[in-house]
Amino acid sequence: MIDQDKEDQEIGKKKISSMGENCLKQEERTYNSQQLSEKLKKERKKELSPQRIRKILKKKDWRWKKTRVSLKGKQKEKESFEYGLRLGGFKGKSYIKMMNWQAEKAEENLKKTGQITVIVLDNYTVHKSKEVEKYLEKWREKGLEFFFISAYSPELNLIESEWHQLKTHELSGRMFEDEYDLALAVMEGIEKRSQRNNCICERFRF
């Protein structure tokens, strides 16, 4: 009886692994472990936790990794969407490079329209670091100002809504082998949303 149970378990694992591979290789959309667990339960009447699925697929050399990319963006409704993307963390030097880019654009805008450009920021440490403070006066002279929202109030920053839409409609339910694949998907998603919203999309290249 015990041997039969083990045999059934092995057969079940093979079916689950095969289904997982098919989802990853053949279907138009991709699945994370939670979604695959629900799909197995619904279509195959097999109950398996997301953690167990990850272990099974890992044995088949399918890698599951935590990925991270950092995004900074500025959106002018119905006109432009400007952003910078880096693999891994977003540190002071990267932030300064991007703000130098925005300062040049702000200076052009100030000359053309007489209007300053305002960047809305949260209280991320880099935004208020001593390294960054050295550049504030220079940026302000070019017409670039900064507005810091209060802590725990992301809804006050309109760009957060765009990130939410990107995650929900362009990235949800997909798996990525590494940060590079995730970054490509993010850029593709931003480009699609910009086309749908009929606005110019520009990415700062570090």
N, C-alpha and C. Protein backbone atom coordinates (compact mmCIF):
# COMPACT_ATOMS: atom_id res chain seq x y z
N MET A 1 0.84 -1.21 0.00
CA MET A 1 0.00 0.00 0.00
C MET A 1 0.87 1.25 0.00
N ILE A 2 1.93 1.22 0.81
CA ILE A 2 2.84 2.37 0.89
C ILE A 2 3.55 2.56 -0.44
N ASP A 3 3.99 1.42 -1.06
CA ASP A 3 4.66 1.50 -2.34
C ASP A 3 3.75 2.06 -3.42
N GLN A 4 2.49 1.68 -3.38
CA GLN A 4 1.52 2.18 -4.35
C GLN A 4 1.33 3.68 -4.20
N ASP A 5 1.28 4.15 -2.93
CA ASP A 5 1.14 5.59 -2.68
C ASP A 5 2.33 6.36 -3.25
N LYS A 6 3.52 5.81 -3.04
CA LYS A 6 4.72 6.48 -3.54
C LYS A 6 4.70 6.54 -5.07
N GLU A 7 4.26 5.43 -5.67
CA GLU A 7 4.18 5.39 -7.12
C GLU A 7 3.19 6.42 -7.66
N ASP A 8 2.04 6.52 -6.98
CA ASP A 8 1.03 7.51 -7.38
C ASP A 8 1.58 8.94 -7.26
N GLN A 9 2.36 9.17 -6.19
CA GLN A 9 2.93 10.48 -5.96
C GLN A 9 3.92 10.84 -7.07
N GLU A 10 4.73 9.85 -7.47
CA GLU A 10 5.71 10.09 -8.52
C GLU A 10 5.02 10.39 -9.85
N ILE A 11 3.95 9.64 -10.13
CA ILE A 11 3.18 9.88 -11.36
C ILE A 11 2.58 11.27 -11.34
N GLY A 12 2.07 11.63 -10.15
CA GLY A 12 1.48 12.97 -10.00
C GLY A 12 2.50 14.06 -10.22
N LYS A 13 3.71 13.86 -9.68
CA LYS A 13 4.77 14.86 -9.85
C LYS A 13 5.13 15.04 -11.32
N LYS A 14 5.20 13.90 -12.05
CA LYS A 14 5.55 13.98 -13.47
C LYS A 14 4.48 14.76 -14.25
N LYS A 15 3.20 14.50 -13.91
CA LYS A 15 2.11 15.21 -14.59
C LYS A 15 2.18 16.70 -14.29
N ILE A 16 2.43 17.02 -13.02
CA ILE A 16 2.49 18.43 -12.60
C ILE A 16 3.67 19.12 -13.27
N SER A 17 4.82 18.44 -13.28
CA SER A 17 6.01 19.01 -13.90
C SER A 17 5.77 19.25 -15.38
N SER A 18 5.14 18.25 -16.04
CA SER A 18 4.84 18.38 -17.47
C SER A 18 3.90 19.54 -17.73
N MET A 19 2.89 19.67 -16.89
CA MET A 19 1.94 20.77 -17.05
C MET A 19 2.63 22.11 -16.83
N GLY A 20 3.50 22.17 -15.83
CA GLY A 20 4.23 23.41 -15.56
C GLY A 20 5.09 23.81 -16.74
N GLU A 21 5.76 22.84 -17.34
CA GLU A 21 6.60 23.13 -18.49
C GLU A 21 5.75 23.61 -19.67
N ASN A 22 4.61 22.98 -19.88
CA ASN A 22 3.73 23.39 -20.97
C ASN A 22 3.24 24.82 -20.78
N CYS A 23 2.89 25.16 -19.54
CA CYS A 23 2.44 26.52 -19.25
C CYS A 23 3.54 27.53 -19.58
N LEU A 24 4.78 27.16 -19.26
CA LEU A 24 5.89 28.08 -19.47
C LEU A 24 6.31 28.16 -20.93
N LYS A 25 6.20 27.04 -21.65
CA LYS A 25 6.70 26.98 -23.02
C LYS A 25 5.67 27.33 -24.09
N GLN A 26 4.43 26.85 -23.90
CA GLN A 26 3.49 26.86 -25.00
C GLN A 26 2.42 27.92 -24.91
N GLU A 27 1.90 28.19 -23.73
CA GLU A 27 0.76 29.09 -23.63
C GLU A 27 1.19 30.55 -23.83
N GLU A 28 0.26 31.37 -24.31
CA GLU A 28 0.56 32.77 -24.58
C GLU A 28 0.91 33.52 -23.31
N ARG A 29 0.23 33.20 -22.22
CA ARG A 29 0.54 33.85 -20.95
C ARG A 29 1.41 32.92 -20.12
N THR A 30 2.01 33.44 -19.09
CA THR A 30 2.81 32.62 -18.19
C THR A 30 2.19 32.65 -16.81
N TYR A 31 2.67 31.78 -15.94
CA TYR A 31 2.04 31.60 -14.64
C TYR A 31 3.07 31.66 -13.53
N ASN A 32 2.68 32.26 -12.39
CA ASN A 32 3.50 32.11 -11.21
C ASN A 32 3.01 30.87 -10.47
N SER A 33 3.68 30.51 -9.39
CA SER A 33 3.36 29.26 -8.70
C SER A 33 1.95 29.25 -8.13
N GLN A 34 1.47 30.41 -7.65
CA GLN A 34 0.12 30.49 -7.09
C GLN A 34 -0.92 30.23 -8.17
N GLN A 35 -0.72 30.85 -9.33
CA GLN A 35 -1.66 30.68 -10.43
C GLN A 35 -1.63 29.27 -10.99
N LEU A 36 -0.43 28.68 -11.02
CA LEU A 36 -0.32 27.31 -11.50
C LEU A 36 -0.99 26.34 -10.54
N SER A 37 -0.89 26.62 -9.25
CA SER A 37 -1.55 25.80 -8.24
C SER A 37 -3.07 25.83 -8.44
N GLU A 38 -3.61 27.02 -8.70
CA GLU A 38 -5.05 27.17 -8.93
C GLU A 38 -5.48 26.49 -10.22
N LYS A 39 -4.62 26.58 -11.23
CA LYS A 39 -4.93 25.96 -12.53
C LYS A 39 -4.97 24.44 -12.40
N LEU A 40 -4.02 23.88 -11.65
CA LEU A 40 -4.00 22.44 -11.42
C LEU A 40 -5.26 21.97 -10.70
N LYS A 41 -5.66 22.73 -9.71
CA LYS A 41 -6.85 22.37 -8.93
C LYS A 41 -8.11 22.43 -9.80
N LYS A 42 -8.19 23.45 -10.64
CA LYS A 42 -9.38 23.64 -11.46
C LYS A 42 -9.45 22.66 -12.63
N GLU A 43 -8.33 22.44 -13.32
CA GLU A 43 -8.36 21.65 -14.54
C GLU A 43 -7.98 20.18 -14.35
N ARG A 44 -7.16 19.89 -13.33
CA ARG A 44 -6.72 18.52 -13.13
C ARG A 44 -7.18 17.91 -11.80
N LYS A 45 -7.90 18.71 -11.02
CA LYS A 45 -8.38 18.26 -9.71
C LYS A 45 -7.22 17.83 -8.82
N LYS A 46 -6.08 18.49 -8.97
CA LYS A 46 -4.90 18.20 -8.16
C LYS A 46 -4.63 19.38 -7.23
N GLU A 47 -4.53 19.10 -5.95
CA GLU A 47 -4.25 20.16 -4.99
C GLU A 47 -2.78 20.10 -4.59
N LEU A 48 -2.08 21.16 -4.90
CA LEU A 48 -0.65 21.24 -4.57
C LEU A 48 -0.32 22.68 -4.23
N SER A 49 0.41 22.89 -3.17
CA SER A 49 0.73 24.24 -2.73
C SER A 49 1.73 24.89 -3.70
N PRO A 50 1.73 26.22 -3.76
CA PRO A 50 2.70 26.93 -4.61
C PRO A 50 4.15 26.57 -4.25
N GLN A 51 4.41 26.40 -2.94
CA GLN A 51 5.76 26.05 -2.51
C GLN A 51 6.19 24.69 -3.06
N ARG A 52 5.25 23.72 -3.04
CA ARG A 52 5.55 22.39 -3.54
C ARG A 52 5.78 22.41 -5.05
N ILE A 53 5.00 23.20 -5.76
CA ILE A 53 5.17 23.32 -7.20
C ILE A 53 6.55 23.87 -7.54
N ARG A 54 6.99 24.87 -6.78
CA ARG A 54 8.31 25.44 -7.04
C ARG A 54 9.41 24.40 -6.86
N LYS A 55 9.26 23.56 -5.83
CA LYS A 55 10.26 22.52 -5.58
C LYS A 55 10.29 21.51 -6.73
N ILE A 56 9.11 21.13 -7.20
CA ILE A 56 9.04 20.14 -8.28
C ILE A 56 9.64 20.68 -9.57
N LEU A 57 9.27 21.92 -9.92
CA LEU A 57 9.79 22.51 -11.15
C LEU A 57 11.27 22.80 -11.05
N LYS A 58 11.73 23.11 -9.84
CA LYS A 58 13.15 23.37 -9.64
C LYS A 58 13.98 22.14 -9.96
N LYS A 59 13.46 20.96 -9.63
CA LYS A 59 14.17 19.71 -9.92
C LYS A 59 14.27 19.47 -11.41
N LYS A 60 13.37 20.11 -12.17
CA LYS A 60 13.39 19.97 -13.63
C LYS A 60 14.20 21.10 -14.28
N ASP A 61 14.97 21.81 -13.44
CA ASP A 61 15.85 22.89 -13.91
C ASP A 61 15.10 24.14 -14.35
N TRP A 62 13.83 24.28 -13.89
CA TRP A 62 13.14 25.54 -14.10
C TRP A 62 13.43 26.44 -12.91
N ARG A 63 14.06 27.59 -13.16
CA ARG A 63 14.51 28.43 -12.06
C ARG A 63 13.44 29.44 -11.66
N TRP A 64 13.28 29.60 -10.35
CA TRP A 64 12.35 30.60 -9.81
C TRP A 64 13.19 31.58 -9.00
N LYS A 65 13.23 32.83 -9.44
CA LYS A 65 14.09 33.80 -8.77
C LYS A 65 13.31 35.04 -8.37
N LYS A 66 13.75 35.65 -7.29
CA LYS A 66 13.24 36.96 -6.96
C LYS A 66 14.01 37.94 -7.84
N THR A 67 13.29 38.81 -8.54
CA THR A 67 13.94 39.75 -9.44
C THR A 67 13.67 41.17 -8.98
N ARG A 68 14.56 42.06 -9.38
CA ARG A 68 14.39 43.44 -8.96
C ARG A 68 14.93 44.39 -10.02
N VAL A 69 14.12 45.34 -10.39
CA VAL A 69 14.58 46.45 -11.19
C VAL A 69 14.09 47.71 -10.51
N SER A 70 14.79 48.81 -10.74
CA SER A 70 14.40 50.07 -10.13
C SER A 70 13.94 51.04 -11.20
N LEU A 71 12.83 51.71 -10.93
CA LEU A 71 12.24 52.63 -11.88
C LEU A 71 12.07 54.02 -11.27
N LYS A 72 12.35 55.02 -12.08
CA LYS A 72 12.01 56.38 -11.74
C LYS A 72 11.30 56.96 -12.96
N GLY A 73 10.22 57.68 -12.74
CA GLY A 73 9.51 58.18 -13.91
C GLY A 73 8.84 59.51 -13.68
N LYS A 74 8.53 60.18 -14.80
CA LYS A 74 7.79 61.44 -14.75
C LYS A 74 6.78 61.41 -15.88
N GLN A 75 5.54 61.72 -15.56
CA GLN A 75 4.49 61.68 -16.56
C GLN A 75 3.81 63.03 -16.67
N LYS A 76 3.66 63.50 -17.89
CA LYS A 76 2.89 64.69 -18.15
C LYS A 76 1.69 64.22 -18.94
N GLU A 77 0.53 64.28 -18.33
CA GLU A 77 -0.67 63.64 -18.87
C GLU A 77 -0.93 64.00 -20.33
N LYS A 78 -1.14 62.95 -21.14
CA LYS A 78 -1.49 63.05 -22.56
C LYS A 78 -0.38 63.68 -23.41
N GLU A 79 0.83 63.83 -22.85
CA GLU A 79 1.91 64.41 -23.63
C GLU A 79 3.16 63.54 -23.64
N SER A 80 3.70 63.23 -22.45
CA SER A 80 4.95 62.49 -22.43
C SER A 80 5.07 61.61 -21.19
N PHE A 81 5.90 60.59 -21.34
CA PHE A 81 6.22 59.72 -20.21
C PHE A 81 7.72 59.48 -20.26
N GLU A 82 8.42 59.97 -19.25
CA GLU A 82 9.88 59.85 -19.21
C GLU A 82 10.28 59.02 -18.01
N TYR A 83 11.18 58.09 -18.22
CA TYR A 83 11.56 57.21 -17.11
C TYR A 83 12.99 56.71 -17.25
N GLY A 84 13.52 56.24 -16.14
CA GLY A 84 14.83 55.61 -16.12
C GLY A 84 14.70 54.26 -15.47
N LEU A 85 15.45 53.29 -15.94
CA LEU A 85 15.37 51.92 -15.42
C LEU A 85 16.77 51.37 -15.22
N ARG A 86 16.97 50.78 -14.06
CA ARG A 86 18.26 50.14 -13.77
C ARG A 86 18.05 48.76 -13.20
N LEU A 87 18.94 47.85 -13.50
CA LEU A 87 18.91 46.54 -12.87
C LEU A 87 19.46 46.68 -11.46
N GLY A 88 18.79 46.06 -10.49
CA GLY A 88 19.23 46.15 -9.11
C GLY A 88 18.76 47.43 -8.44
N GLY A 89 19.53 47.94 -7.51
CA GLY A 89 19.13 49.11 -6.74
C GLY A 89 19.34 50.43 -7.47
N PHE A 90 18.68 51.47 -6.98
CA PHE A 90 18.78 52.80 -7.54
C PHE A 90 19.51 53.67 -6.52
N LYS A 91 20.79 53.94 -6.78
CA LYS A 91 21.63 54.65 -5.83
C LYS A 91 21.78 56.13 -6.20
N GLY A 92 22.53 56.84 -5.34
CA GLY A 92 22.68 58.28 -5.51
C GLY A 92 23.21 58.72 -6.86
N LYS A 93 24.25 58.07 -7.35
CA LYS A 93 24.85 58.48 -8.62
C LYS A 93 23.87 58.32 -9.78
N SER A 94 23.11 57.24 -9.74
CA SER A 94 22.12 57.02 -10.80
C SER A 94 21.03 58.08 -10.75
N TYR A 95 20.60 58.40 -9.54
CA TYR A 95 19.55 59.41 -9.36
C TYR A 95 20.04 60.78 -9.84
N ILE A 96 21.27 61.12 -9.53
CA ILE A 96 21.84 62.40 -9.95
C ILE A 96 21.92 62.49 -11.48
N LYS A 97 22.34 61.39 -12.11
CA LYS A 97 22.41 61.37 -13.57
C LYS A 97 21.03 61.63 -14.19
N MET A 98 20.03 60.99 -13.61
CA MET A 98 18.70 61.15 -14.17
C MET A 98 18.16 62.56 -13.92
N MET A 99 18.43 63.13 -12.76
CA MET A 99 17.96 64.48 -12.46
C MET A 99 18.72 65.52 -13.28
N ASN A 100 19.97 65.25 -13.61
CA ASN A 100 20.70 66.15 -14.52
C ASN A 100 20.01 66.18 -15.89
N TRP A 101 19.55 65.01 -16.31
CA TRP A 101 18.79 64.90 -17.57
C TRP A 101 17.50 65.69 -17.48
N GLN A 102 16.79 65.54 -16.37
CA GLN A 102 15.53 66.27 -16.19
C GLN A 102 15.78 67.77 -16.07
N ALA A 103 16.90 68.16 -15.46
CA ALA A 103 17.22 69.59 -15.32
C ALA A 103 17.45 70.24 -16.68
N GLU A 104 18.09 69.52 -17.59
CA GLU A 104 18.31 70.04 -18.95
C GLU A 104 16.97 70.25 -19.65
N LYS A 105 16.07 69.29 -19.49
CA LYS A 105 14.74 69.41 -20.08
C LYS A 105 13.96 70.56 -19.44
N ALA A 106 14.12 70.69 -18.12
CA ALA A 106 13.43 71.76 -17.40
C ALA A 106 13.91 73.13 -17.87
N GLU A 107 15.19 73.24 -18.12
CA GLU A 107 15.77 74.50 -18.58
C GLU A 107 15.20 74.89 -19.95
N GLU A 108 15.08 73.91 -20.83
CA GLU A 108 14.50 74.17 -22.16
C GLU A 108 13.04 74.62 -22.02
N ASN A 109 12.32 73.92 -21.14
CA ASN A 109 10.90 74.25 -20.94
C ASN A 109 10.73 75.64 -20.34
N LEU A 110 11.63 76.01 -19.42
CA LEU A 110 11.57 77.32 -18.77
C LEU A 110 11.78 78.43 -19.80
N LYS A 111 12.71 78.21 -20.71
CA LYS A 111 12.99 79.21 -21.74
C LYS A 111 11.82 79.36 -22.71
N LYS A 112 11.17 78.25 -23.03
CA LYS A 112 10.08 78.26 -23.99
C LYS A 112 8.77 78.77 -23.42
N THR A 113 8.47 78.36 -22.17
CA THR A 113 7.15 78.64 -21.60
C THR A 113 7.16 79.55 -20.38
N GLY A 114 8.34 79.70 -19.76
CA GLY A 114 8.41 80.47 -18.53
C GLY A 114 7.92 79.70 -17.32
N GLN A 115 7.67 78.41 -17.50
CA GLN A 115 7.17 77.56 -16.42
C GLN A 115 8.27 76.65 -15.88
N ILE A 116 8.24 76.46 -14.57
CA ILE A 116 9.19 75.54 -13.96
C ILE A 116 8.66 74.11 -14.07
N THR A 117 9.52 73.15 -13.84
CA THR A 117 9.16 71.73 -13.83
C THR A 117 9.25 71.22 -12.41
N VAL A 118 8.21 70.53 -11.95
CA VAL A 118 8.18 70.03 -10.58
C VAL A 118 8.21 68.50 -10.58
N ILE A 119 9.17 67.94 -9.86
CA ILE A 119 9.28 66.49 -9.68
C ILE A 119 8.68 66.12 -8.33
N VAL A 120 7.70 65.22 -8.32
CA VAL A 120 7.08 64.76 -7.07
C VAL A 120 7.85 63.53 -6.58
N LEU A 121 8.29 63.57 -5.33
CA LEU A 121 9.14 62.50 -4.78
C LEU A 121 8.61 61.98 -3.45
N ASP A 122 8.93 60.72 -3.17
CA ASP A 122 8.66 60.19 -1.84
C ASP A 122 9.90 60.45 -0.97
N ASN A 123 9.93 59.88 0.21
CA ASN A 123 11.02 60.17 1.13
C ASN A 123 12.10 59.10 1.13
N TYR A 124 12.33 58.49 -0.01
CA TYR A 124 13.41 57.53 -0.17
C TYR A 124 14.73 58.20 0.21
N THR A 125 15.57 57.51 0.93
CA THR A 125 16.82 58.08 1.48
C THR A 125 17.65 58.81 0.43
N VAL A 126 17.78 58.23 -0.74
CA VAL A 126 18.61 58.81 -1.80
C VAL A 126 18.13 60.21 -2.17
N HIS A 127 16.83 60.43 -2.17
CA HIS A 127 16.27 61.72 -2.59
C HIS A 127 16.73 62.87 -1.69
N LYS A 128 17.09 62.55 -0.45
CA LYS A 128 17.47 63.61 0.49
C LYS A 128 18.90 63.44 1.00
N SER A 129 19.68 62.69 0.29
CA SER A 129 21.06 62.42 0.74
C SER A 129 21.94 63.67 0.58
N LYS A 130 23.04 63.70 1.32
CA LYS A 130 23.97 64.83 1.24
C LYS A 130 24.58 64.93 -0.15
N GLU A 131 24.78 63.78 -0.78
CA GLU A 131 25.33 63.75 -2.13
C GLU A 131 24.41 64.47 -3.11
N VAL A 132 23.11 64.26 -2.94
CA VAL A 132 22.12 64.88 -3.82
C VAL A 132 21.95 66.36 -3.50
N GLU A 133 22.01 66.72 -2.24
CA GLU A 133 21.82 68.11 -1.82
C GLU A 133 22.77 69.07 -2.52
N LYS A 134 23.95 68.57 -2.88
CA LYS A 134 24.95 69.42 -3.54
C LYS A 134 24.47 69.92 -4.91
N TYR A 135 23.52 69.21 -5.49
CA TYR A 135 23.06 69.54 -6.84
C TYR A 135 21.76 70.33 -6.85
N LEU A 136 21.09 70.46 -5.71
CA LEU A 136 19.76 71.07 -5.68
C LEU A 136 19.73 72.49 -6.24
N GLU A 137 20.69 73.32 -5.81
CA GLU A 137 20.72 74.71 -6.26
C GLU A 137 20.92 74.79 -7.77
N LYS A 138 21.81 73.96 -8.27
CA LYS A 138 22.08 73.92 -9.71
C LYS A 138 20.83 73.54 -10.49
N TRP A 139 20.11 72.54 -10.00
CA TRP A 139 18.88 72.10 -10.67
C TRP A 139 17.80 73.17 -10.62
N ARG A 140 17.68 73.82 -9.47
CA ARG A 140 16.65 74.86 -9.32
C ARG A 140 16.92 76.05 -10.24
N GLU A 141 18.18 76.37 -10.45
CA GLU A 141 18.52 77.47 -11.35
C GLU A 141 18.06 77.18 -12.78
N LYS A 142 17.94 75.90 -13.10
CA LYS A 142 17.49 75.50 -14.43
C LYS A 142 15.98 75.31 -14.51
N GLY A 143 15.30 75.57 -13.40
CA GLY A 143 13.85 75.49 -13.41
C GLY A 143 13.29 74.16 -12.95
N LEU A 144 14.10 73.38 -12.23
CA LEU A 144 13.64 72.09 -11.74
C LEU A 144 13.43 72.17 -10.23
N GLU A 145 12.19 71.97 -9.80
CA GLU A 145 11.86 72.02 -8.38
C GLU A 145 11.39 70.64 -7.92
N PHE A 146 11.35 70.45 -6.60
CA PHE A 146 10.99 69.16 -6.03
C PHE A 146 9.92 69.32 -4.96
N PHE A 147 8.94 68.42 -5.01
CA PHE A 147 7.87 68.41 -4.02
C PHE A 147 7.86 67.05 -3.35
N PHE A 148 8.10 67.03 -2.04
CA PHE A 148 8.14 65.79 -1.29
C PHE A 148 6.79 65.51 -0.64
N ILE A 149 6.22 64.35 -0.96
CA ILE A 149 4.94 63.99 -0.36
C ILE A 149 5.18 63.48 1.05
N SER A 150 4.14 63.49 1.87
CA SER A 150 4.27 63.01 3.24
C SER A 150 4.44 61.50 3.26
N ALA A 151 4.99 60.99 4.34
CA ALA A 151 5.26 59.55 4.47
C ALA A 151 3.98 58.73 4.34
N TYR A 152 4.11 57.56 3.75
CA TYR A 152 3.00 56.61 3.60
C TYR A 152 1.81 57.21 2.83
N SER A 153 2.12 58.05 1.84
CA SER A 153 1.04 58.64 1.04
C SER A 153 1.33 58.51 -0.46
N PRO A 154 1.56 57.30 -0.94
CA PRO A 154 1.89 57.13 -2.35
C PRO A 154 0.78 57.58 -3.29
N GLU A 155 -0.47 57.61 -2.79
CA GLU A 155 -1.58 58.01 -3.65
C GLU A 155 -1.48 59.48 -4.07
N LEU A 156 -0.63 60.25 -3.39
CA LEU A 156 -0.46 61.66 -3.74
C LEU A 156 0.45 61.84 -4.95
N ASN A 157 1.14 60.79 -5.33
CA ASN A 157 2.04 60.85 -6.47
C ASN A 157 1.38 60.14 -7.66
N LEU A 158 1.04 60.89 -8.70
CA LEU A 158 0.32 60.33 -9.84
C LEU A 158 1.08 59.22 -10.54
N ILE A 159 2.41 59.22 -10.43
CA ILE A 159 3.19 58.19 -11.11
C ILE A 159 2.93 56.81 -10.51
N GLU A 160 2.53 56.77 -9.24
CA GLU A 160 2.27 55.48 -8.60
C GLU A 160 1.11 54.76 -9.28
N SER A 161 0.15 55.51 -9.76
CA SER A 161 -0.98 54.92 -10.47
C SER A 161 -0.51 54.26 -11.76
N GLU A 162 0.45 54.89 -12.42
CA GLU A 162 0.99 54.32 -13.65
C GLU A 162 1.74 53.03 -13.37
N TRP A 163 2.52 53.01 -12.30
CA TRP A 163 3.24 51.77 -11.93
C TRP A 163 2.23 50.66 -11.61
N HIS A 164 1.14 51.03 -10.95
CA HIS A 164 0.11 50.04 -10.61
C HIS A 164 -0.51 49.46 -11.88
N GLN A 165 -0.82 50.32 -12.83
CA GLN A 165 -1.40 49.86 -14.09
C GLN A 165 -0.42 48.96 -14.85
N LEU A 166 0.84 49.33 -14.79
CA LEU A 166 1.87 48.53 -15.47
C LEU A 166 1.95 47.13 -14.87
N LYS A 167 1.98 47.04 -13.54
CA LYS A 167 2.06 45.74 -12.88
C LYS A 167 0.81 44.91 -13.12
N THR A 168 -0.35 45.56 -13.05
CA THR A 168 -1.62 44.84 -13.15
C THR A 168 -1.91 44.34 -14.56
N HIS A 169 -1.65 45.19 -15.56
CA HIS A 169 -2.08 44.87 -16.92
C HIS A 169 -0.97 44.37 -17.84
N GLU A 170 0.28 44.64 -17.49
CA GLU A 170 1.37 44.23 -18.38
C GLU A 170 2.26 43.13 -17.80
N LEU A 171 2.37 43.06 -16.47
CA LEU A 171 3.32 42.13 -15.86
C LEU A 171 2.67 41.03 -15.03
N SER A 172 1.42 41.23 -14.63
CA SER A 172 0.76 40.27 -13.76
C SER A 172 0.68 38.89 -14.38
N GLY A 173 0.96 37.85 -13.58
CA GLY A 173 0.85 36.48 -14.03
C GLY A 173 2.01 35.98 -14.85
N ARG A 174 3.08 36.77 -14.93
CA ARG A 174 4.23 36.36 -15.73
C ARG A 174 5.41 36.02 -14.83
N MET A 175 6.28 35.14 -15.30
CA MET A 175 7.49 34.79 -14.57
C MET A 175 8.70 35.20 -15.41
N PHE A 176 9.79 35.55 -14.72
CA PHE A 176 10.98 36.01 -15.41
C PHE A 176 12.20 35.26 -14.88
N GLU A 177 13.04 34.85 -15.79
CA GLU A 177 14.22 34.08 -15.42
C GLU A 177 15.21 34.92 -14.62
N ASP A 178 15.32 36.19 -14.96
CA ASP A 178 16.28 37.05 -14.28
C ASP A 178 15.85 38.51 -14.42
N GLU A 179 16.65 39.41 -13.86
CA GLU A 179 16.33 40.83 -13.87
C GLU A 179 16.29 41.40 -15.28
N TYR A 180 17.13 40.88 -16.14
CA TYR A 180 17.19 41.38 -17.52
C TYR A 180 15.86 41.12 -18.25
N ASP A 181 15.34 39.91 -18.10
CA ASP A 181 14.05 39.58 -18.72
C ASP A 181 12.93 40.45 -18.16
N LEU A 182 12.97 40.69 -16.86
CA LEU A 182 11.97 41.55 -16.24
C LEU A 182 12.08 42.97 -16.78
N ALA A 183 13.30 43.46 -16.92
CA ALA A 183 13.51 44.82 -17.43
C ALA A 183 12.96 44.96 -18.85
N LEU A 184 13.19 43.96 -19.68
CA LEU A 184 12.67 43.99 -21.05
C LEU A 184 11.14 44.05 -21.05
N ALA A 185 10.53 43.27 -20.16
CA ALA A 185 9.07 43.26 -20.07
C ALA A 185 8.53 44.60 -19.60
N VAL A 186 9.23 45.22 -18.66
CA VAL A 186 8.82 46.53 -18.16
C VAL A 186 8.88 47.57 -19.28
N MET A 187 9.97 47.57 -20.03
CA MET A 187 10.11 48.53 -21.14
C MET A 187 9.05 48.30 -22.20
N GLU A 188 8.79 47.04 -22.50
CA GLU A 188 7.76 46.72 -23.49
C GLU A 188 6.39 47.18 -23.01
N GLY A 189 6.11 46.94 -21.71
CA GLY A 189 4.83 47.34 -21.14
C GLY A 189 4.63 48.85 -21.14
N ILE A 190 5.68 49.58 -20.80
CA ILE A 190 5.60 51.04 -20.80
C ILE A 190 5.37 51.57 -22.21
N GLU A 191 6.04 50.96 -23.18
CA GLU A 191 5.89 51.38 -24.57
C GLU A 191 4.46 51.15 -25.05
N LYS A 192 3.89 50.01 -24.71
CA LYS A 192 2.51 49.69 -25.11
C LYS A 192 1.53 50.68 -24.50
N ARG A 193 1.71 50.96 -23.20
CA ARG A 193 0.79 51.87 -22.53
C ARG A 193 0.92 53.28 -23.11
N SER A 194 2.11 53.69 -23.47
CA SER A 194 2.31 55.02 -24.05
C SER A 194 1.61 55.13 -25.39
N GLN A 195 1.69 54.06 -26.19
CA GLN A 195 1.02 54.06 -27.49
C GLN A 195 -0.50 54.14 -27.32
N ARG A 196 -1.01 53.36 -26.35
CA ARG A 196 -2.46 53.38 -26.12
C ARG A 196 -2.93 54.75 -25.63
N ASN A 197 -2.09 55.41 -24.82
CA ASN A 197 -2.46 56.71 -24.27
C ASN A 197 -2.05 57.87 -25.17
N ASN A 198 -1.47 57.50 -26.32
CA ASN A 198 -1.09 58.51 -27.31
C ASN A 198 -0.14 59.56 -26.73
N CYS A 199 0.90 59.10 -26.05
CA CYS A 199 1.89 60.04 -25.52
C CYS A 199 3.30 59.60 -25.91
N ILE A 200 4.21 60.53 -25.89
CA ILE A 200 5.60 60.25 -26.23
C ILE A 200 6.29 59.56 -25.06
N CYS A 201 7.02 58.50 -25.35
CA CYS A 201 7.72 57.75 -24.30
C CYS A 201 9.23 57.90 -24.51
N GLU A 202 9.95 58.27 -23.46
CA GLU A 202 11.39 58.43 -23.56
C GLU A 202 12.07 57.81 -22.35
N ARG A 203 13.07 56.98 -22.60
CA ARG A 203 13.79 56.30 -21.51
C ARG A 203 15.21 56.88 -21.38
N PHE A 204 15.57 57.22 -20.16
CA PHE A 204 16.93 57.68 -19.89
C PHE A 204 17.85 56.46 -19.81
N ARG A 205 18.95 56.51 -20.55
CA ARG A 205 19.90 55.39 -20.58
C ARG A 205 21.10 55.71 -19.71
N PHE A 206 21.27 54.92 -18.67
CA PHE A 206 22.37 55.16 -17.72
C PHE A 206 23.71 54.77 -18.31
